[in-house]
Amino acid sequence: MQAQTVLVKVRIFQDHDDSDGQGRDLESLTTVFAGHLLLSDGRLVVGDVVGESRFTISLLGMPGRRRVRVSVDDAQGRARAVDIVISAETV
């Protein structure tokens, strides 16, 4: 485990259709996760690996299972940009 050494930009998008985010500026990012997450309380929490900082978004609506895609600018572990796309509807 390594402590954070630079600021990381995290953007969270809500996908309102089945296009899976096409049309967004994803050409410079690599998808590192594409699957389903159970958001049991309708919130998503994003934090660093050592637990020093975290961000909680609760504007996702009803609890449930949602499609999620996480893309980064460096898939080798030194990402400075992270995009998270969450489906608007539960699946």
C-alpha atoms as a PDB file:
ATOM      1  CA  MET A   1       0.000   0.000   0.000  1.00  0.00           C
ATOM      2  CA  GLN A   2       1.319   3.424  -0.944  1.00  0.00           C
ATOM      3  CA  ALA A   3       0.116   6.787   0.302  1.00  0.00           C
ATOM      4  CA  GLN A   4      -1.335   9.298  -2.147  1.00  0.00           C
ATOM      5  CA  THR A   5       1.386  11.524  -3.577  1.00  0.00           C
ATOM      6  CA  VAL A   6      -0.635  13.736  -5.972  1.00  0.00           C
ATOM      7  CA  LEU A   7      -4.158  15.075  -6.218  1.00  0.00           C
ATOM      8  CA  VAL A   8      -6.519  12.815  -8.156  1.00  0.00           C
ATOM      9  CA  LYS A   9      -9.490  14.215 -10.075  1.00  0.00           C
ATOM     10  CA  VAL A  10     -12.582  12.038  -9.637  1.00  0.00           C
ATOM     11  CA  ARG A  11     -15.665  12.722 -11.781  1.00  0.00           C
ATOM     12  CA  ILE A  12     -18.992  10.978 -11.234  1.00  0.00           C
ATOM     13  CA  PHE A  13     -21.565  10.774 -14.027  1.00  0.00           C
ATOM     14  CA  GLN A  14     -25.085   9.428 -13.975  1.00  0.00           C
ATOM     15  CA  ASP A  15     -25.887   7.529 -17.172  1.00  0.00           C
ATOM     16  CA  HIS A  16     -29.549   8.064 -18.138  1.00  0.00           C
ATOM     17  CA  ASP A  17     -29.735   5.535 -20.987  1.00  0.00           C
ATOM     18  CA  ASP A  18     -28.225   2.285 -22.247  1.00  0.00           C
ATOM     19  CA  SER A  19     -25.490   3.949 -24.318  1.00  0.00           C
ATOM     20  CA  ASP A  20     -22.937   3.030 -21.606  1.00  0.00           C
ATOM     21  CA  GLY A  21     -21.435   6.521 -21.640  1.00  0.00           C
ATOM     22  CA  GLN A  22     -20.592   6.716 -25.319  1.00  0.00           C
ATOM     23  CA  GLY A  23     -20.015  10.272 -26.408  1.00  0.00           C
ATOM     24  CA  ARG A  24     -18.123  11.205 -23.252  1.00  0.00           C
ATOM     25  CA  ASP A  25     -14.422  11.975 -23.506  1.00  0.00           C
ATOM     26  CA  LEU A  26     -13.233   8.431 -22.756  1.00  0.00           C
ATOM     27  CA  GLU A  27     -10.565   7.955 -25.413  1.00  0.00           C
ATOM     28  CA  SER A  28      -7.724   8.784 -23.021  1.00  0.00           C
ATOM     29  CA  LEU A  29      -9.092   6.578 -20.217  1.00  0.00           C
ATOM     30  CA  THR A  30      -8.889   2.835 -19.627  1.00  0.00           C
ATOM     31  CA  THR A  31     -11.829   0.966 -18.113  1.00  0.00           C
ATOM     32  CA  VAL A  32     -10.673  -0.918 -15.005  1.00  0.00           C
ATOM     33  CA  PHE A  33     -14.114  -2.031 -13.782  1.00  0.00           C
ATOM     34  CA  ALA A  34     -17.395  -2.563 -15.586  1.00  0.00           C
ATOM     35  CA  GLY A  35     -20.062  -4.436 -13.700  1.00  0.00           C
ATOM     36  CA  HIS A  36     -22.750  -4.134 -11.080  1.00  0.00           C
ATOM     37  CA  LEU A  37     -22.580  -2.738  -7.563  1.00  0.00           C
ATOM     38  CA  LEU A  38     -25.221  -3.033  -4.880  1.00  0.00           C
ATOM     39  CA  LEU A  39     -25.766   0.414  -3.364  1.00  0.00           C
ATOM     40  CA  SER A  40     -27.795  -0.760  -0.384  1.00  0.00           C
ATOM     41  CA  ASP A  41     -28.516   2.757   0.868  1.00  0.00           C
ATOM     42  CA  GLY A  42     -28.425   4.582  -2.487  1.00  0.00           C
ATOM     43  CA  ARG A  43     -25.076   6.247  -1.727  1.00  0.00           C
ATOM     44  CA  LEU A  44     -21.671   5.879  -3.357  1.00  0.00           C
ATOM     45  CA  VAL A  45     -18.532   6.471  -1.305  1.00  0.00           C
ATOM     46  CA  VAL A  46     -15.195   7.187  -3.012  1.00  0.00           C
ATOM     47  CA  GLY A  47     -12.056   7.210  -0.867  1.00  0.00           C
ATOM     48  CA  ASP A  48      -8.320   6.781  -0.934  1.00  0.00           C
ATOM     49  CA  VAL A  49      -6.647   3.461  -0.194  1.00  0.00           C
ATOM     50  CA  VAL A  50      -5.297   4.519   3.218  1.00  0.00           C
ATOM     51  CA  GLY A  51      -8.619   5.951   4.386  1.00  0.00           C
ATOM     52  CA  GLU A  52      -7.453   9.535   4.847  1.00  0.00           C
ATOM     53  CA  SER A  53     -10.113  11.129   2.662  1.00  0.00           C
ATOM     54  CA  ARG A  54     -13.484  10.170   1.265  1.00  0.00           C
ATOM     55  CA  PHE A  55     -16.384  11.628  -0.651  1.00  0.00           C
ATOM     56  CA  THR A  56     -19.987  10.464  -0.385  1.00  0.00           C
ATOM     57  CA  ILE A  57     -22.637  11.158  -3.016  1.00  0.00           C
ATOM     58  CA  SER A  58     -26.210  10.453  -2.049  1.00  0.00           C
ATOM     59  CA  LEU A  59     -28.033  11.905  -5.045  1.00  0.00           C
ATOM     60  CA  LEU A  60     -28.449   8.510  -6.718  1.00  0.00           C
ATOM     61  CA  GLY A  61     -32.030   7.911  -5.654  1.00  0.00           C
ATOM     62  CA  MET A  62     -33.373   4.588  -4.523  1.00  0.00           C
ATOM     63  CA  PRO A  63     -31.122   1.841  -3.156  1.00  0.00           C
ATOM     64  CA  GLY A  64     -30.410  -1.068  -5.444  1.00  0.00           C
ATOM     65  CA  ARG A  65     -28.070  -2.745  -7.884  1.00  0.00           C
ATOM     66  CA  ARG A  66     -26.642  -0.441 -10.583  1.00  0.00           C
ATOM     67  CA  ARG A  67     -24.335  -0.739 -13.571  1.00  0.00           C
ATOM     68  CA  VAL A  68     -21.033   0.981 -12.826  1.00  0.00           C
ATOM     69  CA  ARG A  69     -17.992   1.669 -14.986  1.00  0.00           C
ATOM     70  CA  VAL A  70     -14.714   3.012 -13.567  1.00  0.00           C
ATOM     71  CA  SER A  71     -12.106   4.380 -15.985  1.00  0.00           C
ATOM     72  CA  VAL A  72      -8.668   5.805 -15.208  1.00  0.00           C
ATOM     73  CA  ASP A  73      -5.935   7.630 -17.092  1.00  0.00           C
ATOM     74  CA  ASP A  74      -3.233   5.197 -15.870  1.00  0.00           C
ATOM     75  CA  ALA A  75      -4.266   1.611 -15.214  1.00  0.00           C
ATOM     76  CA  GLN A  76      -0.836   0.765 -13.768  1.00  0.00           C
ATOM     77  CA  GLY A  77      -1.698   2.303 -10.401  1.00  0.00           C
ATOM     78  CA  ARG A  78      -0.698   5.970 -10.707  1.00  0.00           C
ATOM     79  CA  ALA A  79      -3.986   7.419 -11.915  1.00  0.00           C
ATOM     80  CA  ARG A  80      -4.506  11.162 -11.712  1.00  0.00           C
ATOM     81  CA  ALA A  81      -8.009  11.093 -13.239  1.00  0.00           C
ATOM     82  CA  VAL A  82     -10.867   8.712 -12.455  1.00  0.00           C
ATOM     83  CA  ASP A  83     -14.288   8.725 -14.137  1.00  0.00           C
ATOM     84  CA  ILE A  84     -17.161   6.798 -12.551  1.00  0.00           C
ATOM     85  CA  VAL A  85     -20.327   6.281 -14.614  1.00  0.00           C
ATOM     86  CA  ILE A  86     -23.372   4.984 -12.710  1.00  0.00           C
ATOM     87  CA  SER A  87     -26.649   3.913 -14.319  1.00  0.00           C
ATOM     88  CA  ALA A  88     -29.575   6.120 -13.368  1.00  0.00           C
ATOM     89  CA  GLU A  89     -31.881   3.121 -12.942  1.00  0.00           C
ATOM     90  CA  THR A  90     -31.466   0.066 -10.771  1.00  0.00           C
ATOM     91  CA  VAL A  91     -31.040  -3.285 -12.521  1.00  0.00           C
END
